Amino acid sequence: MDPDDKSSQDQRLASLKAAIRREADQHRDSTGETAADGASAAGNSRAMSTGFRVATELVANVCVGGLIGWQLDKWIGTEPILLLVFLLLGVASGFWSVYRIAMRPTKPTDRPR
C-alpha cells in the first residue's frame, strides 16, 4: 500500500466519522434521543403494553367471576358458596390468560436485511 494512499484513506475516514457525528448530533438535537434510545423506547413501549394487558386480563377475569358468583348466590340463596367458587374460577381463568399471553411467540425486532 502506498503511503500517500494510506494518508488519503485516513483523511477520508476522519471526514466520514465527522459527518456521521454531525448527523447524529443533529438527530439528537431535533428529537432529543439517539437511535439506540428510540429502539429501547420501542421495546419499553411493547413491554408496558404487554404488562397492562396482563394486569387487565387478570383483574377482569376475577371481577367477572366474582360478579357471576355473587349474582347466582342472590338468585339461588346459597350466599357465600357460589361467590367463592366463581371467584376461584375467575382467578384460574385469569392465570390461564396470563399464561397464554406469556407463551405467545414474540415477533423478532427490526432485523438487518
PDB file of N, CA and C in Angstrom:
ATOM      1  N   MET A   1       0.845  -1.163   0.000  1.00  0.00           N
ATOM      2  CA  MET A   1       0.000   0.000   0.000  1.00  0.00           C
ATOM      3  C   MET A   1       0.900   1.240   0.000  1.00  0.00           C
ATOM      4  N   ASP A   2       0.600   2.143  -0.839  1.00  0.00           N
ATOM      5  CA  ASP A   2       1.366   3.368  -0.989  1.00  0.00           C
ATOM      6  C   ASP A   2       1.095   4.285   0.206  1.00  0.00           C
ATOM      7  N   PRO A   3       2.122   4.908   0.777  1.00  0.00           N
ATOM      8  CA  PRO A   3       1.914   5.795   1.931  1.00  0.00           C
ATOM      9  C   PRO A   3       0.965   6.938   1.621  1.00  0.00           C
ATOM     10  N   ASP A   4       0.968   7.439   0.385  1.00  0.00           N
ATOM     11  CA  ASP A   4       0.053   8.528   0.043  1.00  0.00           C
ATOM     12  C   ASP A   4      -1.398   8.038   0.070  1.00  0.00           C
ATOM     13  N   ASP A   5      -1.600   6.803  -0.412  1.00  0.00           N
ATOM     14  CA  ASP A   5      -2.949   6.235  -0.361  1.00  0.00           C
ATOM     15  C   ASP A   5      -3.416   6.060   1.080  1.00  0.00           C
ATOM     16  N   LYS A   6      -2.505   5.663   1.937  1.00  0.00           N
ATOM     17  CA  LYS A   6      -2.841   5.462   3.343  1.00  0.00           C
ATOM     18  C   LYS A   6      -3.270   6.770   3.982  1.00  0.00           C
ATOM     19  N   SER A   7      -2.550   7.833   3.741  1.00  0.00           N
ATOM     20  CA  SER A   7      -2.896   9.117   4.364  1.00  0.00           C
ATOM     21  C   SER A   7      -4.202   9.662   3.784  1.00  0.00           C
ATOM     22  N   SER A   8      -4.433   9.472   2.478  1.00  0.00           N
ATOM     23  CA  SER A   8      -5.698   9.942   1.901  1.00  0.00           C
ATOM     24  C   SER A   8      -6.862   9.115   2.430  1.00  0.00           C
ATOM     25  N   GLN A   9      -6.639   7.842   2.649  1.00  0.00           N
ATOM     26  CA  GLN A   9      -7.690   7.000   3.228  1.00  0.00           C
ATOM     27  C   GLN A   9      -7.978   7.418   4.668  1.00  0.00           C
ATOM     28  N   ASP A  10      -6.918   7.740   5.403  1.00  0.00           N
ATOM     29  CA  ASP A  10      -7.106   8.194   6.781  1.00  0.00           C
ATOM     30  C   ASP A  10      -7.878   9.509   6.829  1.00  0.00           C
ATOM     31  N   GLN A  11      -7.564  10.416   5.907  1.00  0.00           N
ATOM     32  CA  GLN A  11      -8.279  11.693   5.850  1.00  0.00           C
ATOM     33  C   GLN A  11      -9.756  11.468   5.499  1.00  0.00           C
ATOM     34  N   ARG A  12      -9.980  10.601   4.535  1.00  0.00           N
ATOM     35  CA  ARG A  12     -11.353  10.316   4.127  1.00  0.00           C
ATOM     36  C   ARG A  12     -12.147   9.673   5.273  1.00  0.00           C
ATOM     37  N   LEU A  13     -11.501   8.740   5.964  1.00  0.00           N
ATOM     38  CA  LEU A  13     -12.144   8.089   7.104  1.00  0.00           C
ATOM     39  C   LEU A  13     -12.472   9.101   8.196  1.00  0.00           C
ATOM     40  N   ALA A  14     -11.559  10.006   8.482  1.00  0.00           N
ATOM     41  CA  ALA A  14     -11.792  11.030   9.501  1.00  0.00           C
ATOM     42  C   ALA A  14     -12.953  11.936   9.093  1.00  0.00           C
ATOM     43  N   SER A  15     -13.014  12.311   7.795  1.00  0.00           N
ATOM     44  CA  SER A  15     -14.107  13.178   7.361  1.00  0.00           C
ATOM     45  C   SER A  15     -15.450  12.441   7.430  1.00  0.00           C
ATOM     46  N   LEU A  16     -15.459  11.148   7.120  1.00  0.00           N
ATOM     47  CA  LEU A  16     -16.691  10.363   7.233  1.00  0.00           C
ATOM     48  C   LEU A  16     -17.145  10.253   8.687  1.00  0.00           C
ATOM     49  N   LYS A  17     -16.204  10.006   9.587  1.00  0.00           N
ATOM     50  CA  LYS A  17     -16.546   9.942  11.008  1.00  0.00           C
ATOM     51  C   LYS A  17     -17.120  11.265  11.495  1.00  0.00           C
ATOM     52  N   ALA A  18     -16.534  12.365  11.064  1.00  0.00           N
ATOM     53  CA  ALA A  18     -17.034  13.676  11.460  1.00  0.00           C
ATOM     54  C   ALA A  18     -18.433  13.907  10.910  1.00  0.00           C
ATOM     55  N   ALA A  19     -18.688  13.498   9.668  1.00  0.00           N
ATOM     56  CA  ALA A  19     -20.018  13.670   9.067  1.00  0.00           C
ATOM     57  C   ALA A  19     -21.053  12.839   9.810  1.00  0.00           C
ATOM     58  N   ILE A  20     -20.704  11.622  10.164  1.00  0.00           N
ATOM     59  CA  ILE A  20     -21.620  10.758  10.920  1.00  0.00           C
ATOM     60  C   ILE A  20     -21.900  11.371  12.286  1.00  0.00           C
ATOM     61  N   ARG A  21     -20.871  11.895  12.948  1.00  0.00           N
ATOM     62  CA  ARG A  21     -21.048  12.507  14.259  1.00  0.00           C
ATOM     63  C   ARG A  21     -21.957  13.736  14.159  1.00  0.00           C
ATOM     64  N   ARG A  22     -21.782  14.556  13.108  1.00  0.00           N
ATOM     65  CA  ARG A  22     -22.636  15.733  12.920  1.00  0.00           C
ATOM     66  C   ARG A  22     -24.099  15.326  12.717  1.00  0.00           C
ATOM     67  N   GLU A  23     -24.318  14.306  11.888  1.00  0.00           N
ATOM     68  CA  GLU A  23     -25.685  13.833  11.645  1.00  0.00           C
ATOM     69  C   GLU A  23     -26.322  13.299  12.927  1.00  0.00           C
ATOM     70  N   ALA A  24     -25.542  12.547  13.709  1.00  0.00           N
ATOM     71  CA  ALA A  24     -26.067  12.014  14.972  1.00  0.00           C
ATOM     72  C   ALA A  24     -26.400  13.141  15.933  1.00  0.00           C
ATOM     73  N   ASP A  25     -25.547  14.171  15.984  1.00  0.00           N
ATOM     74  CA  ASP A  25     -25.814  15.312  16.860  1.00  0.00           C
ATOM     75  C   ASP A  25     -27.067  16.058  16.412  1.00  0.00           C
ATOM     76  N   GLN A  26     -27.228  16.235  15.100  1.00  0.00           N
ATOM     77  CA  GLN A  26     -28.417  16.916  14.594  1.00  0.00           C
ATOM     78  C   GLN A  26     -29.678  16.116  14.923  1.00  0.00           C
ATOM     79  N   HIS A  27     -29.588  14.813  14.766  1.00  0.00           N
ATOM     80  CA  HIS A  27     -30.748  13.958  15.087  1.00  0.00           C
ATOM     81  C   HIS A  27     -31.067  14.040  16.575  1.00  0.00           C
ATOM     82  N   ARG A  28     -30.033  13.999  17.399  1.00  0.00           N
ATOM     83  CA  ARG A  28     -30.228  14.067  18.843  1.00  0.00           C
ATOM     84  C   ARG A  28     -30.824  15.419  19.237  1.00  0.00           C
ATOM     85  N   ASP A  29     -30.368  16.498  18.601  1.00  0.00           N
ATOM     86  CA  ASP A  29     -30.899  17.822  18.911  1.00  0.00           C
ATOM     87  C   ASP A  29     -32.355  17.954  18.478  1.00  0.00           C
ATOM     88  N   SER A  30     -32.695  17.385  17.333  1.00  0.00           N
ATOM     89  CA  SER A  30     -34.058  17.553  16.827  1.00  0.00           C
ATOM     90  C   SER A  30     -35.064  16.653  17.535  1.00  0.00           C
ATOM     91  N   THR A  31     -34.648  15.466  17.955  1.00  0.00           N
ATOM     92  CA  THR A  31     -35.593  14.543  18.582  1.00  0.00           C
ATOM     93  C   THR A  31     -35.370  14.388  20.080  1.00  0.00           C
ATOM     94  N   GLY A  32     -34.209  14.741  20.537  1.00  0.00           N
ATOM     95  CA  GLY A  32     -33.909  14.576  21.958  1.00  0.00           C
ATOM     96  C   GLY A  32     -33.498  13.162  22.318  1.00  0.00           C
ATOM     97  N   GLU A  33     -33.329  12.311  21.338  1.00  0.00           N
ATOM     98  CA  GLU A  33     -32.928  10.930  21.622  1.00  0.00           C
ATOM     99  C   GLU A  33     -32.020  10.417  20.520  1.00  0.00           C
ATOM    100  N   THR A  34     -31.230   9.434  20.868  1.00  0.00           N
ATOM    101  CA  THR A  34     -30.366   8.803  19.878  1.00  0.00           C
ATOM    102  C   THR A  34     -31.110   7.635  19.253  1.00  0.00           C
ATOM    103  N   ALA A  35     -30.530   7.028  18.239  1.00  0.00           N
ATOM    104  CA  ALA A  35     -31.165   5.872  17.594  1.00  0.00           C
ATOM    105  C   ALA A  35     -31.311   4.720  18.579  1.00  0.00           C
ATOM    106  N   ALA A  36     -30.313   4.540  19.436  1.00  0.00           N
ATOM    107  CA  ALA A  36     -30.401   3.464  20.430  1.00  0.00           C
ATOM    108  C   ALA A  36     -31.516   3.750  21.423  1.00  0.00           C
ATOM    109  N   ASP A  37     -31.693   5.029  21.785  1.00  0.00           N
ATOM    110  CA  ASP A  37     -32.784   5.384  22.694  1.00  0.00           C
ATOM    111  C   ASP A  37     -34.126   5.088  22.061  1.00  0.00           C
ATOM    112  N   GLY A  38     -34.261   5.354  20.766  1.00  0.00           N
ATOM    113  CA  GLY A  38     -35.508   5.085  20.061  1.00  0.00           C
ATOM    114  C   GLY A  38     -35.834   3.607  20.049  1.00  0.00           C
ATOM    115  N   ALA A  39     -34.809   2.766  19.851  1.00  0.00           N
ATOM    116  CA  ALA A  39     -35.033   1.321  19.839  1.00  0.00           C
ATOM    117  C   ALA A  39     -35.431   0.829  21.227  1.00  0.00           C
ATOM    118  N   SER A  40     -34.780   1.354  22.260  1.00  0.00           N
ATOM    119  CA  SER A  40     -35.123   0.914  23.606  1.00  0.00           C
ATOM    120  C   SER A  40     -36.492   1.460  24.015  1.00  0.00           C
ATOM    121  N   ALA A  41     -36.853   2.631  23.516  1.00  0.00           N
ATOM    122  CA  ALA A  41     -38.175   3.181  23.818  1.00  0.00           C
ATOM    123  C   ALA A  41     -39.261   2.311  23.201  1.00  0.00           C
ATOM    124  N   ALA A  42     -39.013   1.819  21.983  1.00  0.00           N
ATOM    125  CA  ALA A  42     -39.990   0.931  21.351  1.00  0.00           C
ATOM    126  C   ALA A  42     -40.112  -0.367  22.142  1.00  0.00           C
ATOM    127  N   GLY A  43     -38.998  -0.893  22.625  1.00  0.00           N
ATOM    128  CA  GLY A  43     -39.036  -2.104  23.439  1.00  0.00           C
ATOM    129  C   GLY A  43     -39.752  -1.880  24.750  1.00  0.00           C
ATOM    130  N   ASN A  44     -39.499  -0.728  25.381  1.00  0.00           N
ATOM    131  CA  ASN A  44     -40.191  -0.401  26.627  1.00  0.00           C
ATOM    132  C   ASN A  44     -41.681  -0.245  26.405  1.00  0.00           C
ATOM    133  N   SER A  45     -42.039   0.379  25.297  1.00  0.00           N
ATOM    134  CA  SER A  45     -43.451   0.564  24.981  1.00  0.00           C
ATOM    135  C   SER A  45     -44.151  -0.775  24.801  1.00  0.00           C
ATOM    136  N   ARG A  46     -43.491  -1.683  24.097  1.00  0.00           N
ATOM    137  CA  ARG A  46     -44.056  -3.014  23.882  1.00  0.00           C
ATOM    138  C   ARG A  46     -44.196  -3.771  25.204  1.00  0.00           C
ATOM    139  N   ALA A  47     -43.195  -3.648  26.063  1.00  0.00           N
ATOM    140  CA  ALA A  47     -43.233  -4.339  27.357  1.00  0.00           C
ATOM    141  C   ALA A  47     -44.330  -3.770  28.255  1.00  0.00           C
ATOM    142  N   MET A  48     -44.478  -2.453  28.267  1.00  0.00           N
ATOM    143  CA  MET A  48     -45.531  -1.847  29.088  1.00  0.00           C
ATOM    144  C   MET A  48     -46.909  -2.219  28.567  1.00  0.00           C
ATOM    145  N   SER A  49     -47.045  -2.284  27.256  1.00  0.00           N
ATOM    146  CA  SER A  49     -48.327  -2.681  26.674  1.00  0.00           C
ATOM    147  C   SER A  49     -48.690  -4.096  27.099  1.00  0.00           C
ATOM    148  N   THR A  50     -47.725  -4.984  27.044  1.00  0.00           N
ATOM    149  CA  THR A  50     -47.975  -6.366  27.462  1.00  0.00           C
ATOM    150  C   THR A  50     -48.288  -6.430  28.955  1.00  0.00           C
ATOM    151  N   GLY A  51     -47.585  -5.653  29.755  1.00  0.00           N
ATOM    152  CA  GLY A  51     -47.838  -5.635  31.198  1.00  0.00           C
ATOM    153  C   GLY A  51     -49.236  -5.146  31.535  1.00  0.00           C
ATOM    154  N   PHE A  52     -49.663  -4.065  30.876  1.00  0.00           N
ATOM    155  CA  PHE A  52     -51.019  -3.566  31.120  1.00  0.00           C
ATOM    156  C   PHE A  52     -52.065  -4.576  30.661  1.00  0.00           C
ATOM    157  N   ARG A  53     -51.787  -5.261  29.558  1.00  0.00           N
ATOM    158  CA  ARG A  53     -52.739  -6.263  29.075  1.00  0.00           C
ATOM    159  C   ARG A  53     -52.859  -7.414  30.070  1.00  0.00           C
ATOM    160  N   VAL A  54     -51.724  -7.866  30.606  1.00  0.00           N
ATOM    161  CA  VAL A  54     -51.734  -8.955  31.586  1.00  0.00           C
ATOM    162  C   VAL A  54     -52.523  -8.537  32.820  1.00  0.00           C
ATOM    163  N   ALA A  55     -52.272  -7.327  33.329  1.00  0.00           N
ATOM    164  CA  ALA A  55     -52.980  -6.860  34.523  1.00  0.00           C
ATOM    165  C   ALA A  55     -54.478  -6.751  34.253  1.00  0.00           C
ATOM    166  N   THR A  56     -54.834  -6.228  33.096  1.00  0.00           N
ATOM    167  CA  THR A  56     -56.251  -6.077  32.760  1.00  0.00           C
ATOM    168  C   THR A  56     -56.942  -7.427  32.649  1.00  0.00           C
ATOM    169  N   GLU A  57     -56.298  -8.377  31.982  1.00  0.00           N
ATOM    170  CA  GLU A  57     -56.880  -9.719  31.833  1.00  0.00           C
ATOM    171  C   GLU A  57     -57.117 -10.350  33.201  1.00  0.00           C
ATOM    172  N   LEU A  58     -56.135 -10.257  34.074  1.00  0.00           N
ATOM    173  CA  LEU A  58     -56.249 -10.887  35.389  1.00  0.00           C
ATOM    174  C   LEU A  58     -57.369 -10.249  36.210  1.00  0.00           C
ATOM    175  N   VAL A  59     -57.391  -8.934  36.278  1.00  0.00           N
ATOM    176  CA  VAL A  59     -58.412  -8.241  37.069  1.00  0.00           C
ATOM    177  C   VAL A  59     -59.805  -8.472  36.481  1.00  0.00           C
ATOM    178  N   ALA A  60     -59.922  -8.406  35.165  1.00  0.00           N
ATOM    179  CA  ALA A  60     -61.229  -8.588  34.530  1.00  0.00           C
ATOM    180  C   ALA A  60     -61.775  -9.990  34.779  1.00  0.00           C
ATOM    181  N   ASN A  61     -60.933 -11.010  34.668  1.00  0.00           N
ATOM    182  CA  ASN A  61     -61.400 -12.375  34.892  1.00  0.00           C
ATOM    183  C   ASN A  61     -61.852 -12.584  36.334  1.00  0.00           C
ATOM    184  N   VAL A  62     -61.118 -12.037  37.287  1.00  0.00           N
ATOM    185  CA  VAL A  62     -61.505 -12.191  38.691  1.00  0.00           C
ATOM    186  C   VAL A  62     -62.810 -11.433  38.964  1.00  0.00           C
ATOM    187  N   CYS A  63     -62.928 -10.221  38.419  1.00  0.00           N
ATOM    188  CA  CYS A  63     -64.158  -9.436  38.640  1.00  0.00           C
ATOM    189  C   CYS A  63     -65.373 -10.100  38.008  1.00  0.00           C
ATOM    190  N   VAL A  64     -65.231 -10.596  36.795  1.00  0.00           N
ATOM    191  CA  VAL A  64     -66.365 -11.253  36.132  1.00  0.00           C
ATOM    192  C   VAL A  64     -66.761 -12.513  36.890  1.00  0.00           C
ATOM    193  N   GLY A  65     -65.782 -13.298  37.320  1.00  0.00           N
ATOM    194  CA  GLY A  65     -66.094 -14.489  38.107  1.00  0.00           C
ATOM    195  C   GLY A  65     -66.798 -14.135  39.403  1.00  0.00           C
ATOM    196  N   GLY A  66     -66.331 -13.103  40.088  1.00  0.00           N
ATOM    197  CA  GLY A  66     -66.955 -12.675  41.335  1.00  0.00           C
ATOM    198  C   GLY A  66     -68.374 -12.166  41.127  1.00  0.00           C
ATOM    199  N   LEU A  67     -68.583 -11.390  40.070  1.00  0.00           N
ATOM    200  CA  LEU A  67     -69.927 -10.870  39.806  1.00  0.00           C
ATOM    201  C   LEU A  67     -70.904 -11.986  39.442  1.00  0.00           C
ATOM    202  N   ILE A  68     -70.460 -12.945  38.653  1.00  0.00           N
ATOM    203  CA  ILE A  68     -71.336 -14.076  38.303  1.00  0.00           C
ATOM    204  C   ILE A  68     -71.692 -14.864  39.559  1.00  0.00           C
ATOM    205  N   GLY A  69     -70.696 -15.154  40.395  1.00  0.00           N
ATOM    206  CA  GLY A  69     -70.950 -15.895  41.632  1.00  0.00           C
ATOM    207  C   GLY A  69     -71.855 -15.145  42.578  1.00  0.00           C
ATOM    208  N   TRP A  70     -71.648 -13.846  42.719  1.00  0.00           N
ATOM    209  CA  TRP A  70     -72.482 -13.023  43.596  1.00  0.00           C
ATOM    210  C   TRP A  70     -73.931 -13.004  43.114  1.00  0.00           C
ATOM    211  N   GLN A  71     -74.132 -12.837  41.797  1.00  0.00           N
ATOM    212  CA  GLN A  71     -75.493 -12.783  41.265  1.00  0.00           C
ATOM    213  C   GLN A  71     -76.193 -14.144  41.399  1.00  0.00           C
ATOM    214  N   LEU A  72     -75.465 -15.225  41.114  1.00  0.00           N
ATOM    215  CA  LEU A  72     -76.068 -16.558  41.274  1.00  0.00           C
ATOM    216  C   LEU A  72     -76.415 -16.831  42.739  1.00  0.00           C
ATOM    217  N   ASP A  73     -75.561 -16.376  43.658  1.00  0.00           N
ATOM    218  CA  ASP A  73     -75.861 -16.529  45.087  1.00  0.00           C
ATOM    219  C   ASP A  73     -77.131 -15.780  45.469  1.00  0.00           C
ATOM    220  N   LYS A  74     -77.305 -14.593  44.917  1.00  0.00           N
ATOM    221  CA  LYS A  74     -78.523 -13.825  45.208  1.00  0.00           C
ATOM    222  C   LYS A  74     -79.756 -14.538  44.667  1.00  0.00           C
ATOM    223  N   TRP A  75     -79.682 -15.088  43.472  1.00  0.00           N
ATOM    224  CA  TRP A  75     -80.840 -15.737  42.857  1.00  0.00           C
ATOM    225  C   TRP A  75     -81.185 -17.052  43.540  1.00  0.00           C
ATOM    226  N   ILE A  76     -80.142 -17.838  43.848  1.00  0.00           N
ATOM    227  CA  ILE A  76     -80.377 -19.174  44.395  1.00  0.00           C
ATOM    228  C   ILE A  76     -80.482 -19.147  45.920  1.00  0.00           C
ATOM    229  N   GLY A  77     -79.770 -18.228  46.560  1.00  0.00           N
ATOM    230  CA  GLY A  77     -79.828 -18.119  48.017  1.00  0.00           C
ATOM    231  C   GLY A  77     -78.775 -18.948  48.723  1.00  0.00           C
ATOM    232  N   THR A  78     -77.677 -19.221  48.071  1.00  0.00           N
ATOM    233  CA  THR A  78     -76.585 -20.004  48.671  1.00  0.00           C
ATOM    234  C   THR A  78     -75.413 -19.077  48.990  1.00  0.00           C
ATOM    235  N   GLU A  79     -75.665 -18.080  49.792  1.00  0.00           N
ATOM    236  CA  GLU A  79     -74.826 -16.908  49.986  1.00  0.00           C
ATOM    237  C   GLU A  79     -73.346 -17.009  49.632  1.00  0.00           C
ATOM    238  N   PRO A  80     -72.453 -17.555  50.406  1.00  0.00           N
ATOM    239  CA  PRO A  80     -71.052 -17.365  50.007  1.00  0.00           C
ATOM    240  C   PRO A  80     -70.501 -18.449  49.082  1.00  0.00           C
ATOM    241  N   ILE A  81     -71.233 -19.550  48.904  1.00  0.00           N
ATOM    242  CA  ILE A  81     -70.664 -20.711  48.215  1.00  0.00           C
ATOM    243  C   ILE A  81     -70.334 -20.413  46.755  1.00  0.00           C
ATOM    244  N   LEU A  82     -71.322 -19.988  45.981  1.00  0.00           N
ATOM    245  CA  LEU A  82     -71.082 -19.761  44.554  1.00  0.00           C
ATOM    246  C   LEU A  82     -70.147 -18.576  44.310  1.00  0.00           C
ATOM    247  N   LEU A  83     -70.190 -17.585  45.199  1.00  0.00           N
ATOM    248  CA  LEU A  83     -69.264 -16.458  45.073  1.00  0.00           C
ATOM    249  C   LEU A  83     -67.825 -16.956  45.174  1.00  0.00           C
ATOM    250  N   LEU A  84     -67.550 -17.784  46.155  1.00  0.00           N
ATOM    251  CA  LEU A  84     -66.192 -18.315  46.323  1.00  0.00           C
ATOM    252  C   LEU A  84     -65.795 -19.210  45.151  1.00  0.00           C
ATOM    253  N   VAL A  85     -66.732 -20.065  44.705  1.00  0.00           N
ATOM    254  CA  VAL A  85     -66.431 -20.965  43.595  1.00  0.00           C
ATOM    255  C   VAL A  85     -66.109 -20.169  42.336  1.00  0.00           C
ATOM    256  N   PHE A  86     -66.934 -19.181  42.019  1.00  0.00           N
ATOM    257  CA  PHE A  86     -66.714 -18.419  40.802  1.00  0.00           C
ATOM    258  C   PHE A  86     -65.527 -17.456  40.916  1.00  0.00           C
ATOM    259  N   LEU A  87     -65.237 -16.997  42.131  1.00  0.00           N
ATOM    260  CA  LEU A  87     -64.005 -16.218  42.318  1.00  0.00           C
ATOM    261  C   LEU A  87     -62.782 -17.073  42.011  1.00  0.00           C
ATOM    262  N   LEU A  88     -62.789 -18.301  42.506  1.00  0.00           N
ATOM    263  CA  LEU A  88     -61.673 -19.211  42.218  1.00  0.00           C
ATOM    264  C   LEU A  88     -61.597 -19.538  40.726  1.00  0.00           C
ATOM    265  N   LEU A  89     -62.753 -19.713  40.091  1.00  0.00           N
ATOM    266  CA  LEU A  89     -62.749 -19.931  38.641  1.00  0.00           C
ATOM    267  C   LEU A  89     -62.228 -18.695  37.898  1.00  0.00           C
ATOM    268  N   GLY A  90     -62.569 -17.510  38.380  1.00  0.00           N
ATOM    269  CA  GLY A  90     -62.061 -16.280  37.778  1.00  0.00           C
ATOM    270  C   GLY A  90     -60.553 -16.154  37.919  1.00  0.00           C
ATOM    271  N   VAL A  91     -60.041 -16.516  39.096  1.00  0.00           N
ATOM    272  CA  VAL A  91     -58.593 -16.491  39.308  1.00  0.00           C
ATOM    273  C   VAL A  91     -57.907 -17.486  38.386  1.00  0.00           C
ATOM    274  N   ALA A  92     -58.455 -18.693  38.295  1.00  0.00           N
ATOM    275  CA  ALA A  92     -57.870 -19.705  37.410  1.00  0.00           C
ATOM    276  C   ALA A  92     -57.915 -19.246  35.956  1.00  0.00           C
ATOM    277  N   SER A  93     -59.032 -18.662  35.554  1.00  0.00           N
ATOM    278  CA  SER A  93     -59.156 -18.159  34.192  1.00  0.00           C
ATOM    279  C   SER A  93     -58.178 -17.018  33.942  1.00  0.00           C
ATOM    280  N   GLY A  94     -57.983 -16.158  34.928  1.00  0.00           N
ATOM    281  CA  GLY A  94     -57.023 -15.056  34.804  1.00  0.00           C
ATOM    282  C   GLY A  94     -55.611 -15.557  34.641  1.00  0.00           C
ATOM    283  N   PHE A  95     -55.239 -16.542  35.451  1.00  0.00           N
ATOM    284  CA  PHE A  95     -53.894 -17.098  35.322  1.00  0.00           C
ATOM    285  C   PHE A  95     -53.718 -17.814  33.989  1.00  0.00           C
ATOM    286  N   TRP A  96     -54.769 -18.464  33.512  1.00  0.00           N
ATOM    287  CA  TRP A  96     -54.690 -19.126  32.204  1.00  0.00           C
ATOM    288  C   TRP A  96     -54.479 -18.087  31.096  1.00  0.00           C
ATOM    289  N   SER A  97     -55.170 -16.964  31.184  1.00  0.00           N
ATOM    290  CA  SER A  97     -54.992 -15.896  30.198  1.00  0.00           C
ATOM    291  C   SER A  97     -53.578 -15.334  30.245  1.00  0.00           C
ATOM    292  N   VAL A  98     -53.055 -15.128  31.437  1.00  0.00           N
ATOM    293  CA  VAL A  98     -51.692 -14.629  31.585  1.00  0.00           C
ATOM    294  C   VAL A  98     -50.701 -15.634  31.009  1.00  0.00           C
ATOM    295  N   TYR A  99     -50.923 -16.909  31.248  1.00  0.00           N
ATOM    296  CA  TYR A  99     -50.054 -17.952  30.711  1.00  0.00           C
ATOM    297  C   TYR A  99     -50.067 -17.932  29.184  1.00  0.00           C
ATOM    298  N   ARG A 100     -51.256 -17.801  28.594  1.00  0.00           N
ATOM    299  CA  ARG A 100     -51.357 -17.757  27.128  1.00  0.00           C
ATOM    300  C   ARG A 100     -50.621 -16.557  26.556  1.00  0.00           C
ATOM    301  N   ILE A 101     -50.721 -15.406  27.228  1.00  0.00           N
ATOM    302  CA  ILE A 101     -50.009 -14.211  26.761  1.00  0.00           C
ATOM    303  C   ILE A 101     -48.504 -14.424  26.869  1.00  0.00           C
ATOM    304  N   ALA A 102     -48.071 -15.028  27.977  1.00  0.00           N
ATOM    305  CA  ALA A 102     -46.636 -15.230  28.184  1.00  0.00           C
ATOM    306  C   ALA A 102     -46.055 -16.253  27.213  1.00  0.00           C
ATOM    307  N   MET A 103     -46.837 -17.224  26.801  1.00  0.00           N
ATOM    308  CA  MET A 103     -46.332 -18.263  25.901  1.00  0.00           C
ATOM    309  C   MET A 103     -46.457 -17.899  24.425  1.00  0.00           C
ATOM    310  N   ARG A 104     -47.081 -16.762  24.130  1.00  0.00           N
ATOM    311  CA  ARG A 104     -47.225 -16.339  22.737  1.00  0.00           C
ATOM    312  C   ARG A 104     -45.845 -16.023  22.176  1.00  0.00           C
ATOM    313  N   PRO A 105     -45.541 -16.539  20.987  1.00  0.00           N
ATOM    314  CA  PRO A 105     -44.226 -16.249  20.409  1.00  0.00           C
ATOM    315  C   PRO A 105     -44.088 -14.759  20.119  1.00  0.00           C
ATOM    316  N   THR A 106     -42.911 -14.240  20.381  1.00  0.00           N
ATOM    317  CA  THR A 106     -42.675 -12.823  20.140  1.00  0.00           C
ATOM    318  C   THR A 106     -42.193 -12.614  18.718  1.00  0.00           C
ATOM    319  N   LYS A 107     -42.502 -11.463  18.179  1.00  0.00           N
ATOM    320  CA  LYS A 107     -42.049 -11.125  16.839  1.00  0.00           C
ATOM    321  C   LYS A 107     -40.612 -10.631  16.931  1.00  0.00           C
ATOM    322  N   PRO A 108     -39.780 -11.030  15.995  1.00  0.00           N
ATOM    323  CA  PRO A 108     -38.404 -10.515  16.043  1.00  0.00           C
ATOM    324  C   PRO A 108     -38.419  -9.014  15.750  1.00  0.00           C
ATOM    325  N   THR A 109     -37.567  -8.303  16.438  1.00  0.00           N
ATOM    326  CA  THR A 109     -37.484  -6.857  16.227  1.00  0.00           C
ATOM    327  C   THR A 109     -36.730  -6.587  14.945  1.00  0.00           C
ATOM    328  N   ASP A 110     -36.667  -5.349  14.576  1.00  0.00           N
ATOM    329  CA  ASP A 110     -36.082  -4.929  13.305  1.00  0.00           C
ATOM    330  C   ASP A 110     -34.750  -5.624  13.046  1.00  0.00           C
ATOM    331  N   ARG A 111     -34.789  -6.615  12.178  1.00  0.00           N
ATOM    332  CA  ARG A 111     -33.567  -7.328  11.816  1.00  0.00           C
ATOM    333  C   ARG A 111     -32.936  -6.624  10.618  1.00  0.00           C
ATOM    334  N   PRO A 112     -31.614  -6.605  10.556  1.00  0.00           N
ATOM    335  CA  PRO A 112     -30.984  -6.045   9.372  1.00  0.00           C
ATOM    336  C   PRO A 112     -31.274  -6.909   8.159  1.00  0.00           C
ATOM    337  N   ARG A 113     -31.447  -6.268   7.037  1.00  0.00           N
ATOM    338  CA  ARG A 113     -31.765  -7.014   5.807  1.00  0.00           C
ATOM    339  C   ARG A 113     -30.556  -7.282   4.980  1.00  0.00           C
TER     340      ARG A 113
END
